[in-house]
Amino acid sequence: MADKDRQRALTTQLQTQFNAIPSELPHDRINALSIPAERLTETLAFLKHKAEPRFEMLFDLSAIDETERDGGLTVFYQLLSLSGNADLRLKVSLSAEAPVLPSVCTVWSAANWYERELYDMFGIHIDGHPDLRRILMPEYWEGHPLRKAHPNRATEMPPYQLPEARYRSIMESYRAEDYHEPGMSNEEMILNIGPTHPGTHGLLRLVVRLLGEEIRDVKPDIGFHHRGAEKMAERQTYHSYIPYTDRIDYLAGVQNELPYVLAVEQLAGITVPPRAQVIRVMLCELCRVASHLVWVASYAHDTGALAPPFYAFREREYLYDVMELITGGRMHPSFFRIGGVALDLPEGWHEAVQGFLKRMPAAIDEYQALLPNNPILRGRTRGIGVLSIAEAIDWGVSGPNLRACGLEWDLRKRRPYSGYEHYDFEIPTATEGDALARTEVRLEEMRQSLRIVEQAMQNMPAGPVLSAEARYAFPRKEATLQDIETLIHHFIAVSRGMRFPAGESLFVTEAPKGMNGYFVVSDGSENPYRLRIRTPSFPHIQALALLARGHLLADLIPILGSLDYVLADIDR
């Protein structure tokens, strides 16, 4: 059955069986339906276990405050069928006053943190949730930040004052005895780990329940790095938000910019010139290598090896010299634009990229010898933190962590974007699903990224690097110096911002840490009405307890580091 016929049949079945109502087709062409809240749990269970195709993964779950449009709240469930390579968006409408939803944690384990985020950011009560409390904001925070009524800037809020008595009560809530749970034996203890460097990378707190040295449970405490990245988008123009994306997974550079600009381009129907697409791919794969280099260094350091950080950061500096030459930036280039890239390639770029490609294969061989071939690290990582394919999908795990379980799922192959279908490369996988397998997959991914960079460099087409659609693209500087009309257009576009069509657009890319998605909701104005950022690190850290239970305390840091997380990617 053709994909369109299958989608049509599923839509008809959901309408008949669960009272679903088809929504207006958004600009991302994803099938979207509205369902009543009372039918939510059974509908989602049907879609996961019985539908054709089955939607095995809860990819994302969040909400839109509609009070400045139609009123109320819209909660959306973004589902992914890996077996059918299909998407489905289900929506539930709620009253803005005392909104309530049933929990779907019994359908997907990944729903736990997403539902807590709904409660924290929007004030939606989740009936039946096993641990409903704030997740990104502190418990004493007043209000729900992603509601439209909540202030957008700190300057719009009253001065922050916390009475001493209130401060003491908050600090006392961090006592270990407060984390004792019913049924805990007297022999068990609670250990607080982090936020410190190294190990938990300065911004992650783990509350670990132990029986002797055996881990009984782990409760990650996140939110220390929350900066309101989604809220800030509502006050920025579409173009001026691009630099904010670099700060999400701040180790991945332009890999953050790509899904955002692709989502906006999809919304507006913008065609990107071929040369700009190849430049994007080349820079993204260089940033994939850069991200994996930081992981090599930090993972080795976390597990007690001091030499690999020096080796990995050496190559990273050479790579950033190349990035600086091409983009003018290093960690945060802010180089992609809606419609293309900011500048054409400079003189000397080919030689710089070629020089980096020449030195990297030998460097990766060194990492191979220092990490997975090292008998000490193999002993510390083999057979620990094992994740099956079914567990990974249930928890929303993606990227190298999913491929290390044996599932060859990579969006660059399954849903090629930006011309990835024209490149020859392999998707590294493993079958063990343990910390060692995740290590080996990432090292091989670096080799494959170098193959892609080599092909992009050798096959760079000629032509413009920015879309010629003047309605959405900034004019070239030379033109603004010649034509008054062009200068006026540039002035208005920069100062006021450009209006983009009303609609919804989700675009997901294969980032270094997994599937990274930007969901843009436009009301036709110069600013996004709502911007949702779905990051891979958020579900990965949620699954930490599953990986760590039953292991020894000494295994916790090797398991945690093997997930390759960044707190800014979790907290946004």
Protein backbone atom coordinates (compact mmCIF):
# COMPACT_ATOMS: atom_id res chain seq x y z
CA MET A 1 0.00 0.00 0.00
CA ALA A 2 1.33 3.45 -0.92
CA ASP A 3 2.25 5.82 1.91
CA LYS A 4 -0.57 8.26 1.08
CA ASP A 5 -3.13 5.46 0.92
CA ARG A 6 -1.89 4.08 4.23
CA GLN A 7 -2.10 7.50 5.88
CA ARG A 8 -5.59 7.99 4.51
CA ALA A 9 -6.72 4.60 5.83
CA LEU A 10 -5.24 5.33 9.27
CA THR A 11 -6.93 8.73 9.39
CA THR A 12 -10.28 7.17 8.55
CA GLN A 13 -9.80 4.52 11.24
CA LEU A 14 -8.92 7.13 13.88
CA GLN A 15 -11.96 9.20 12.92
CA THR A 16 -14.30 6.22 13.14
CA GLN A 17 -12.86 4.52 16.19
CA PHE A 18 -11.62 7.41 18.36
CA ASN A 19 -13.60 10.49 17.20
CA ALA A 20 -10.49 12.10 15.73
CA ILE A 21 -10.90 15.22 13.61
CA PRO A 22 -8.36 15.96 10.83
CA SER A 23 -6.61 19.27 11.32
CA GLU A 24 -5.69 21.65 8.56
CA LEU A 25 -2.62 20.24 6.84
CA PRO A 26 0.39 22.16 8.18
CA HIS A 27 3.30 23.25 6.01
CA ASP A 28 5.45 20.28 7.06
CA ARG A 29 2.96 17.88 5.45
CA ILE A 30 2.71 15.79 8.62
CA ASN A 31 -0.69 14.19 9.14
CA ALA A 32 -2.32 16.00 12.08
CA LEU A 33 -5.52 15.12 13.95
CA SER A 34 -7.35 16.45 16.99
CA ILE A 35 -8.71 14.00 19.54
CA PRO A 36 -10.79 14.42 22.71
CA ALA A 37 -8.85 14.25 25.96
CA GLU A 38 -10.97 11.39 27.30
CA ARG A 39 -9.93 9.19 24.35
CA LEU A 40 -6.24 10.11 24.54
CA THR A 41 -4.74 7.11 26.32
CA GLU A 42 -6.56 4.45 24.31
CA THR A 43 -5.82 6.25 21.03
CA LEU A 44 -2.10 6.42 21.76
CA ALA A 45 -2.00 2.80 22.92
CA PHE A 46 -3.69 1.78 19.66
CA LEU A 47 -1.18 3.77 17.61
CA LYS A 48 1.78 2.21 19.39
CA HIS A 49 0.65 -1.41 19.39
CA LYS A 50 -2.00 -2.02 16.70
CA ALA A 51 -2.00 0.69 14.02
CA GLU A 52 -0.62 0.21 10.53
CA PRO A 53 2.07 1.40 10.62
CA ARG A 54 2.78 1.25 14.35
CA PHE A 55 4.09 4.47 15.90
CA GLU A 56 6.63 2.99 18.28
CA MET A 57 8.24 6.22 19.53
CA LEU A 58 6.85 9.23 21.35
CA PHE A 59 9.20 11.67 19.65
CA ASP A 60 8.00 14.80 21.41
CA LEU A 61 5.26 16.15 23.66
CA SER A 62 4.58 19.80 24.44
CA ALA A 63 1.91 22.49 24.19
CA ILE A 64 0.97 25.82 22.60
CA ASP A 65 -0.70 28.61 24.56
CA GLU A 66 -3.48 29.77 22.23
CA THR A 67 -4.76 32.61 24.42
CA GLU A 68 -3.54 35.25 21.93
CA ARG A 69 -5.30 33.41 19.08
CA ASP A 70 -8.33 31.18 19.73
CA GLY A 71 -7.96 30.78 23.48
CA GLY A 72 -7.12 27.73 25.55
CA LEU A 73 -4.17 25.39 25.21
CA THR A 74 -3.23 22.90 22.51
CA VAL A 75 -1.18 19.89 23.60
CA PHE A 76 0.53 18.02 20.77
CA TYR A 77 1.94 14.50 20.70
CA GLN A 78 4.54 14.02 17.95
CA LEU A 79 4.72 10.31 17.12
CA LEU A 80 7.33 8.51 15.02
CA SER A 81 6.98 5.19 13.24
CA LEU A 82 10.45 3.75 12.72
CA SER A 83 9.10 0.63 11.04
CA GLY A 84 6.97 2.68 8.62
CA ASN A 85 9.20 5.78 8.43
CA ALA A 86 6.17 7.99 9.10
CA ASP A 87 5.10 10.84 11.41
CA LEU A 88 1.80 11.64 13.09
CA ARG A 89 0.80 14.66 15.17
CA LEU A 90 -2.11 14.33 17.61
CA LYS A 91 -3.56 17.42 19.25
CA VAL A 92 -5.72 17.85 22.34
CA SER A 93 -7.50 21.12 23.13
CA LEU A 94 -7.74 22.17 26.78
CA SER A 95 -9.19 25.08 28.70
CA ALA A 96 -6.62 27.64 29.82
CA GLU A 97 -8.15 27.54 33.29
CA ALA A 98 -7.19 24.48 35.36
CA PRO A 99 -6.24 22.27 32.38
CA VAL A 100 -6.05 18.52 33.04
CA LEU A 101 -4.74 15.60 30.96
CA PRO A 102 -4.40 11.88 31.66
CA SER A 103 -0.88 10.50 31.90
CA VAL A 104 0.39 8.26 29.08
CA CYS A 105 3.40 6.96 31.03
CA THR A 106 1.84 3.51 30.81
CA VAL A 107 2.08 3.73 27.00
CA TRP A 108 5.57 5.25 26.68
CA SER A 109 8.19 5.43 29.43
CA ALA A 110 9.52 8.60 27.75
CA ALA A 111 6.29 10.46 28.56
CA ASN A 112 7.32 10.92 32.21
CA TRP A 113 9.62 13.93 31.80
CA TYR A 114 7.64 15.43 28.93
CA GLU A 115 4.50 15.45 31.11
CA ARG A 116 6.42 17.02 33.98
CA GLU A 117 7.54 19.71 31.54
CA LEU A 118 3.89 20.33 30.58
CA TYR A 119 3.09 20.77 34.25
CA ASP A 120 6.11 23.03 34.84
CA MET A 121 5.96 25.24 31.75
CA PHE A 122 2.19 25.41 31.14
CA GLY A 123 0.54 24.47 34.44
CA ILE A 124 -1.24 21.43 32.98
CA HIS A 125 -2.11 18.87 35.66
CA ILE A 126 -1.39 15.28 34.61
CA ASP A 127 -3.73 12.77 36.21
CA GLY A 128 -2.05 9.51 37.16
CA HIS A 129 1.51 10.74 36.75
CA PRO A 130 3.87 8.85 39.10
CA ASP A 131 5.94 11.89 40.11
CA LEU A 132 4.29 15.15 39.07
CA ARG A 133 6.49 18.10 40.04
CA ARG A 134 8.51 20.81 38.33
CA ILE A 135 11.44 19.67 36.23
CA LEU A 136 13.24 22.73 34.78
CA MET A 137 12.15 25.51 37.14
CA PRO A 138 12.74 25.43 40.91
CA GLU A 139 9.81 24.41 43.06
CA TYR A 140 9.43 27.93 44.46
CA TRP A 141 9.00 29.51 40.98
CA GLU A 142 5.77 31.40 40.56
CA GLY A 143 3.89 30.97 37.30
CA HIS A 144 4.43 28.88 34.20
CA PRO A 145 7.02 30.42 31.84
CA LEU A 146 5.64 29.27 28.46
CA ARG A 147 2.21 30.76 29.13
CA LYS A 148 1.72 33.95 27.13
CA ALA A 149 0.86 35.84 30.30
CA HIS A 150 4.25 35.10 31.84
CA PRO A 151 6.82 37.91 31.41
CA ASN A 152 9.21 37.47 28.51
CA ARG A 153 12.21 39.29 29.95
CA ALA A 154 13.73 39.58 33.40
CA THR A 155 13.31 43.36 33.18
CA GLU A 156 9.54 42.81 33.02
CA MET A 157 9.56 40.93 36.32
CA PRO A 158 9.79 42.33 39.86
CA PRO A 159 13.22 42.24 41.52
CA TYR A 160 14.08 38.73 42.67
CA GLN A 161 13.91 38.62 46.45
CA LEU A 162 13.86 35.46 48.54
CA PRO A 163 13.28 35.89 52.28
CA GLU A 164 15.88 34.18 54.46
CA ALA A 165 13.30 31.84 55.97
CA ARG A 166 12.18 30.76 52.51
CA TYR A 167 15.80 30.30 51.43
CA ARG A 168 16.52 28.06 54.41
CA SER A 169 13.44 25.94 53.73
CA ILE A 170 14.55 25.49 50.11
CA MET A 171 18.08 24.46 51.05
CA GLU A 172 16.75 22.04 53.66
CA SER A 173 14.80 20.28 50.91
CA TYR A 174 18.15 19.06 49.55
CA ARG A 175 18.78 16.87 52.59
CA ALA A 176 19.39 13.23 51.75
CA GLU A 177 16.77 12.00 54.21
CA ASP A 178 14.08 13.81 52.21
CA TYR A 179 14.70 11.40 49.34
CA HIS A 180 14.02 8.24 51.35
CA GLU A 181 11.09 6.41 49.80
CA PRO A 182 8.54 4.03 51.31
CA GLY A 183 9.87 0.50 51.32
CA MET A 184 13.55 1.46 51.54
CA SER A 185 15.50 -0.77 53.90
CA ASN A 186 17.69 0.58 56.70
CA GLU A 187 20.75 -0.72 54.83
CA GLU A 188 20.07 1.52 51.84
CA MET A 189 21.51 5.00 51.59
CA ILE A 190 21.04 8.10 49.44
CA LEU A 191 24.11 9.61 47.79
CA ASN A 192 24.20 13.04 46.14
CA ILE A 193 26.46 13.22 43.06
CA GLY A 194 27.02 16.58 41.35
CA PRO A 195 26.61 19.12 40.05
CA THR A 196 30.40 19.01 39.75
CA HIS A 197 33.11 18.71 37.12
CA PRO A 198 34.12 16.13 35.90
CA GLY A 199 31.57 13.33 35.69
CA THR A 200 28.33 15.31 35.86
CA HIS A 201 29.74 18.25 33.84
CA GLY A 202 29.00 20.96 36.32
CA LEU A 203 25.22 21.24 35.90
CA LEU A 204 23.71 17.80 36.51
CA ARG A 205 22.74 16.48 39.92
CA LEU A 206 22.14 12.77 40.49
CA VAL A 207 20.35 11.46 43.56
CA VAL A 208 21.52 7.85 43.78
CA ARG A 209 19.92 5.17 45.92
CA LEU A 210 22.42 2.51 47.00
CA LEU A 211 22.50 -0.83 48.77
CA GLY A 212 26.15 -1.15 49.59
CA GLU A 213 27.76 -0.34 46.24
CA GLU A 214 24.83 -1.57 44.15
CA ILE A 215 22.71 1.08 42.45
CA ARG A 216 19.03 0.65 43.22
CA ASP A 217 17.81 3.84 41.54
CA VAL A 218 19.01 7.12 40.04
CA LYS A 219 17.00 10.34 39.94
CA PRO A 220 18.56 13.03 37.69
CA ASP A 221 17.90 16.59 38.88
CA ILE A 222 18.05 18.90 35.86
CA GLY A 223 17.20 22.54 35.12
CA PHE A 224 20.34 24.22 36.47
CA HIS A 225 21.17 25.36 32.92
CA HIS A 226 17.65 26.33 31.80
CA ARG A 227 17.73 29.67 29.95
CA GLY A 228 14.29 29.86 28.37
CA ALA A 229 15.46 29.28 24.78
CA GLU A 230 11.93 28.53 23.57
CA LYS A 231 10.48 31.56 25.33
CA MET A 232 13.11 33.87 23.87
CA ALA A 233 12.09 32.88 20.33
CA GLU A 234 8.71 34.57 20.85
CA ARG A 235 10.39 37.98 21.14
CA GLN A 236 12.92 37.54 18.30
CA THR A 237 12.45 37.80 14.56
CA TYR A 238 12.96 34.64 12.56
CA HIS A 239 16.43 35.71 11.43
CA SER A 240 17.62 37.21 14.70
CA TYR A 241 16.92 33.95 16.54
CA ILE A 242 19.59 32.03 14.61
CA PRO A 243 22.46 32.85 17.07
CA TYR A 244 20.38 31.46 19.94
CA THR A 245 20.26 28.03 18.30
CA ASP A 246 24.07 27.66 18.53
CA ARG A 247 23.78 27.76 22.31
CA ILE A 248 21.52 24.70 22.61
CA ASP A 249 24.03 21.91 22.00
CA TYR A 250 26.87 24.38 22.17
CA LEU A 251 29.41 21.71 21.17
CA ALA A 252 27.74 21.06 17.80
CA GLY A 253 27.93 24.50 16.18
CA VAL A 254 25.93 24.81 12.96
CA GLN A 255 24.27 21.43 13.59
CA ASN A 256 21.89 23.43 15.80
CA GLU A 257 21.19 26.01 13.10
CA LEU A 258 20.32 23.49 10.39
CA PRO A 259 17.00 22.07 11.70
CA TYR A 260 15.81 25.58 12.57
CA VAL A 261 16.48 27.13 9.17
CA LEU A 262 15.13 24.02 7.41
CA ALA A 263 11.89 24.27 9.43
CA VAL A 264 11.47 27.96 8.51
CA GLU A 265 12.35 27.31 4.87
CA GLN A 266 9.80 24.51 4.79
CA LEU A 267 7.22 26.86 6.29
CA ALA A 268 7.80 29.50 3.61
CA GLY A 269 8.58 27.22 0.66
CA ILE A 270 12.09 28.61 0.20
CA THR A 271 14.46 26.89 -2.21
CA VAL A 272 18.11 26.78 -1.10
CA PRO A 273 20.77 27.05 -3.85
CA PRO A 274 22.82 23.87 -4.47
CA ARG A 275 26.13 25.46 -3.46
CA ALA A 276 24.67 26.58 -0.13
CA GLN A 277 23.36 23.07 0.51
CA VAL A 278 26.78 21.51 -0.04
CA ILE A 279 28.43 24.11 2.19
CA ARG A 280 25.88 23.33 4.90
CA VAL A 281 26.57 19.59 4.70
CA MET A 282 30.34 20.08 4.78
CA LEU A 283 30.18 22.34 7.84
CA CYS A 284 27.65 20.13 9.63
CA GLU A 285 29.87 17.07 9.25
CA LEU A 286 32.87 19.02 10.49
CA CYS A 287 30.80 20.01 13.52
CA ARG A 288 29.80 16.36 14.02
CA VAL A 289 33.50 15.53 14.25
CA ALA A 290 34.05 18.47 16.62
CA SER A 291 31.25 17.27 18.90
CA HIS A 292 32.59 13.71 18.95
CA LEU A 293 36.08 15.03 19.71
CA VAL A 294 34.79 16.73 22.86
CA TRP A 295 33.04 13.49 23.78
CA VAL A 296 36.30 11.52 23.30
CA ALA A 297 38.11 13.95 25.57
CA SER A 298 35.48 14.22 28.30
CA TYR A 299 34.60 10.51 28.36
CA ALA A 300 38.24 9.54 28.68
CA HIS A 301 38.72 12.09 31.45
CA ASP A 302 35.58 10.95 33.28
CA THR A 303 36.80 7.35 33.27
CA GLY A 304 40.30 8.24 34.48
CA ALA A 305 42.39 8.49 31.30
CA LEU A 306 44.35 11.73 31.11
CA ALA A 307 46.12 11.44 27.74
CA PRO A 308 43.13 11.34 25.31
CA PRO A 309 41.83 14.83 26.20
CA PHE A 310 45.10 16.35 25.00
CA TYR A 311 45.02 14.38 21.76
CA ALA A 312 41.34 15.11 21.01
CA PHE A 313 41.50 18.82 21.80
CA ARG A 314 44.57 19.14 19.61
CA GLU A 315 42.56 18.03 16.56
CA ARG A 316 39.60 20.12 17.66
CA GLU A 317 41.72 23.25 17.55
CA TYR A 318 42.82 22.47 14.01
CA LEU A 319 39.18 21.94 13.08
CA TYR A 320 38.13 25.24 14.63
CA ASP A 321 40.85 27.00 12.64
CA VAL A 322 39.05 25.74 9.52
CA MET A 323 35.65 26.80 10.88
CA GLU A 324 37.01 30.25 11.74
CA LEU A 325 38.44 30.69 8.26
CA ILE A 326 35.11 29.84 6.61
CA THR A 327 32.55 31.31 9.03
CA GLY A 328 34.44 33.83 11.15
CA GLY A 329 33.39 31.93 14.29
CA ARG A 330 34.59 28.86 16.12
CA MET A 331 32.15 27.25 18.57
CA HIS A 332 29.14 29.41 17.67
CA PRO A 333 29.43 30.37 13.99
CA SER A 334 25.83 31.63 13.47
CA PHE A 335 26.64 31.13 9.79
CA PHE A 336 23.50 29.61 8.28
CA ARG A 337 20.77 31.89 7.01
CA ILE A 338 17.16 31.31 6.06
CA GLY A 339 17.65 30.57 2.38
CA GLY A 340 21.33 29.59 2.47
CA VAL A 341 24.51 30.69 4.24
CA ALA A 342 25.88 34.08 5.23
CA LEU A 343 28.95 34.21 2.98
CA ASP A 344 30.59 32.34 0.16
CA LEU A 345 33.67 30.22 0.81
CA PRO A 346 36.81 32.35 1.29
CA GLU A 347 40.10 32.02 -0.52
CA GLY A 348 42.14 29.14 0.87
CA TRP A 349 39.21 27.12 2.21
CA HIS A 350 39.96 24.08 0.05
CA GLU A 351 43.54 23.78 1.27
CA ALA A 352 42.48 24.24 4.90
CA VAL A 353 39.83 21.52 4.73
CA GLN A 354 42.20 19.21 2.83
CA GLY A 355 44.88 19.67 5.50
CA PHE A 356 42.46 18.76 8.28
CA LEU A 357 41.23 15.69 6.40
CA LYS A 358 44.82 14.55 5.90
CA ARG A 359 45.66 14.53 9.61
CA MET A 360 42.40 13.10 11.02
CA PRO A 361 42.50 9.37 10.04
CA ALA A 362 45.70 8.79 12.00
CA ALA A 363 44.29 10.76 14.92
CA ILE A 364 41.14 8.60 15.05
CA ASP A 365 43.39 5.51 15.04
CA GLU A 366 45.07 6.96 18.12
CA TYR A 367 41.71 7.42 19.84
CA GLN A 368 40.85 3.83 18.95
CA ALA A 369 44.00 2.62 20.66
CA LEU A 370 43.53 4.88 23.69
CA LEU A 371 39.84 4.11 24.28
CA PRO A 372 38.04 0.97 23.01
CA ASN A 373 41.31 -0.97 22.50
CA ASN A 374 42.51 -0.08 25.98
CA PRO A 375 41.99 -3.15 28.22
CA ILE A 376 41.22 -1.00 31.27
CA LEU A 377 38.47 0.98 29.54
CA ARG A 378 37.12 -2.18 27.89
CA GLY A 379 36.86 -3.75 31.33
CA ARG A 380 35.00 -0.71 32.65
CA THR A 381 32.55 -0.37 29.76
CA ARG A 382 31.84 -3.84 28.35
CA GLY A 383 28.48 -5.23 29.45
CA ILE A 384 27.38 -2.18 31.47
CA GLY A 385 24.52 0.18 30.67
CA VAL A 386 23.02 -2.31 28.22
CA LEU A 387 20.07 -0.99 26.22
CA SER A 388 17.89 -3.12 23.94
CA ILE A 389 16.30 -1.80 20.76
CA ALA A 390 12.81 -2.01 22.27
CA GLU A 391 13.89 -0.14 25.40
CA ALA A 392 15.68 2.51 23.37
CA ILE A 393 12.61 3.21 21.24
CA ASP A 394 10.30 3.26 24.27
CA TRP A 395 12.48 5.88 25.95
CA GLY A 396 12.93 8.02 22.81
CA VAL A 397 16.63 7.24 22.40
CA SER A 398 18.19 8.15 19.03
CA GLY A 399 21.50 8.77 17.30
CA PRO A 400 24.60 6.74 18.16
CA ASN A 401 22.93 5.47 21.35
CA LEU A 402 20.17 3.86 19.28
CA ARG A 403 22.46 2.58 16.55
CA ALA A 404 24.70 0.93 19.18
CA CYS A 405 21.70 -1.27 20.01
CA GLY A 406 21.62 -2.63 16.47
CA LEU A 407 19.02 -0.44 14.73
CA GLU A 408 20.34 1.26 11.60
CA TRP A 409 18.25 4.42 11.88
CA ASP A 410 19.87 7.59 10.59
CA LEU A 411 17.81 10.41 9.11
CA ARG A 412 20.56 11.22 6.61
CA LYS A 413 19.77 7.84 5.01
CA ARG A 414 16.11 7.28 5.95
CA ARG A 415 14.92 10.83 5.18
CA PRO A 416 17.72 12.54 3.26
CA TYR A 417 17.77 16.32 3.56
CA SER A 418 20.11 18.99 2.21
CA GLY A 419 21.24 16.60 -0.52
CA TYR A 420 22.56 13.80 1.74
CA GLU A 421 21.20 11.29 -0.77
CA HIS A 422 24.07 12.24 -3.09
CA TYR A 423 26.82 11.22 -0.65
CA ASP A 424 28.42 7.82 -0.25
CA PHE A 425 28.81 6.87 3.41
CA GLU A 426 27.94 4.06 5.82
CA ILE A 427 25.88 4.03 9.03
CA PRO A 428 27.94 2.48 11.85
CA THR A 429 26.00 0.14 14.14
CA ALA A 430 26.71 -2.34 16.91
CA THR A 431 24.62 -5.03 18.57
CA GLU A 432 25.71 -5.09 22.21
CA GLY A 433 23.97 -1.85 23.24
CA ASP A 434 26.45 -1.28 26.07
CA ALA A 435 28.80 1.59 26.93
CA LEU A 436 31.62 0.07 24.88
CA ALA A 437 29.41 -0.28 21.80
CA ARG A 438 28.39 3.38 22.04
CA THR A 439 32.10 4.27 22.16
CA GLU A 440 32.97 2.28 19.04
CA VAL A 441 30.00 3.62 17.06
CA ARG A 442 31.02 7.23 17.63
CA LEU A 443 34.60 6.68 16.57
CA GLU A 444 33.45 5.08 13.32
CA GLU A 445 30.97 7.92 12.79
CA MET A 446 33.90 10.33 12.75
CA ARG A 447 35.48 8.36 9.91
CA GLN A 448 32.23 8.42 7.94
CA SER A 449 31.84 12.18 8.47
CA LEU A 450 35.30 12.68 6.98
CA ARG A 451 34.14 10.76 3.89
CA ILE A 452 31.20 13.13 3.50
CA VAL A 453 33.38 16.23 3.96
CA GLU A 454 35.80 14.92 1.32
CA GLN A 455 32.97 14.44 -1.19
CA ALA A 456 31.47 17.87 -0.45
CA MET A 457 34.85 19.52 -0.87
CA GLN A 458 35.61 17.77 -4.16
CA ASN A 459 32.14 18.30 -5.64
CA MET A 460 31.42 21.87 -4.57
CA PRO A 461 29.12 23.40 -7.22
CA ALA A 462 29.32 26.97 -8.42
CA GLY A 463 26.54 29.50 -7.98
CA PRO A 464 24.92 31.70 -5.33
CA VAL A 465 24.92 30.82 -1.62
CA LEU A 466 21.65 32.55 -0.67
CA SER A 467 18.13 32.29 -2.01
CA ALA A 468 17.11 35.00 -4.47
CA GLU A 469 13.58 35.17 -3.02
CA ALA A 470 13.75 38.78 -1.85
CA ARG A 471 10.71 38.46 0.38
CA TYR A 472 12.59 36.24 2.84
CA ALA A 473 16.29 36.79 2.10
CA PHE A 474 18.61 39.64 2.95
CA PRO A 475 19.98 41.38 -0.16
CA ARG A 476 23.72 41.32 -0.82
CA LYS A 477 25.71 44.23 0.58
CA GLU A 478 26.85 45.38 -2.88
CA ALA A 479 23.23 45.75 -4.00
CA THR A 480 22.28 47.88 -0.99
CA LEU A 481 25.02 50.34 -1.95
CA GLN A 482 23.62 50.70 -5.47
CA ASP A 483 19.80 50.63 -5.24
CA ILE A 484 17.75 52.70 -2.81
CA GLU A 485 14.85 50.26 -3.01
CA THR A 486 17.17 47.40 -2.00
CA LEU A 487 18.56 49.46 0.86
CA ILE A 488 15.04 50.21 2.13
CA HIS A 489 14.13 46.54 1.94
CA HIS A 490 17.27 45.64 3.89
CA PHE A 491 16.58 48.27 6.54
CA ILE A 492 13.01 47.08 7.10
CA ALA A 493 14.01 43.41 7.09
CA VAL A 494 16.69 43.99 9.72
CA SER A 495 14.84 46.43 11.98
CA ARG A 496 11.29 45.06 11.81
CA GLY A 497 11.80 41.51 10.62
CA MET A 498 10.17 39.59 7.79
CA ARG A 499 6.69 38.13 7.92
CA PHE A 500 6.46 34.39 7.36
CA PRO A 501 3.31 32.45 6.38
CA ALA A 502 1.00 31.22 9.12
CA GLY A 503 1.26 27.50 9.75
CA GLU A 504 3.26 24.80 11.51
CA SER A 505 6.56 23.28 10.44
CA LEU A 506 8.62 20.55 12.09
CA PHE A 507 12.02 19.59 10.73
CA VAL A 508 14.23 16.94 12.31
CA THR A 509 17.90 16.34 11.50
CA GLU A 510 20.49 13.78 12.53
CA ALA A 511 22.59 15.76 14.98
CA PRO A 512 25.74 14.35 16.65
CA LYS A 513 23.83 13.30 19.77
CA GLY A 514 20.67 12.08 18.01
CA MET A 515 17.51 13.39 16.37
CA ASN A 516 17.21 17.14 16.82
CA GLY A 517 13.95 18.85 15.85
CA TYR A 518 12.60 22.40 15.65
CA PHE A 519 8.83 22.88 15.52
CA VAL A 520 7.94 26.40 14.33
CA VAL A 521 4.40 27.72 14.84
CA SER A 522 3.72 30.93 12.89
CA ASP A 523 0.76 33.30 13.11
CA GLY A 524 1.93 35.24 10.06
CA SER A 525 3.84 37.91 11.98
CA GLU A 526 7.56 38.73 12.21
CA ASN A 527 8.08 36.55 15.29
CA PRO A 528 7.43 32.85 15.91
CA TYR A 529 4.21 32.40 17.86
CA ARG A 530 5.70 29.29 19.43
CA LEU A 531 9.02 27.52 18.95
CA ARG A 532 9.53 24.03 20.30
CA ILE A 533 13.03 22.54 20.48
CA ARG A 534 13.17 18.75 20.73
CA THR A 535 16.69 17.77 21.79
CA PRO A 536 18.19 14.26 21.97
CA SER A 537 19.88 14.67 25.38
CA PHE A 538 16.56 15.19 27.22
CA PRO A 539 15.21 11.65 26.69
CA HIS A 540 18.69 10.12 26.96
CA ILE A 541 19.29 11.34 30.51
CA GLN A 542 15.75 10.34 31.46
CA ALA A 543 16.73 6.74 30.60
CA LEU A 544 19.79 6.81 32.88
CA ALA A 545 18.09 4.97 35.76
CA LEU A 546 17.14 2.12 33.43
CA LEU A 547 20.79 1.72 32.38
CA ALA A 548 22.32 2.05 35.84
CA ARG A 549 20.08 -0.10 38.07
CA GLY A 550 21.83 -3.22 39.29
CA HIS A 551 25.31 -1.97 38.48
CA LEU A 552 27.94 -0.78 40.94
CA LEU A 553 28.45 2.85 41.88
CA ALA A 554 31.80 2.80 40.05
CA ASP A 555 29.91 1.99 36.83
CA LEU A 556 27.66 5.06 37.02
CA ILE A 557 30.03 7.59 35.48
CA PRO A 558 31.10 5.32 32.56
CA ILE A 559 27.42 4.68 31.82
CA LEU A 560 26.49 8.36 32.08
CA GLY A 561 29.38 9.54 29.91
CA SER A 562 28.65 6.94 27.23
CA LEU A 563 25.34 8.72 26.52
CA ASP A 564 27.18 11.86 25.30
CA TYR A 565 24.93 14.52 26.79
CA VAL A 566 25.18 18.30 27.15
CA LEU A 567 23.20 20.10 29.83
CA ALA A 568 22.27 23.02 27.57
CA ASP A 569 20.77 20.42 25.22
CA ILE A 570 18.69 19.02 28.10
CA ASP A 571 17.62 22.20 29.81
CA ARG A 572 17.35 24.57 26.83
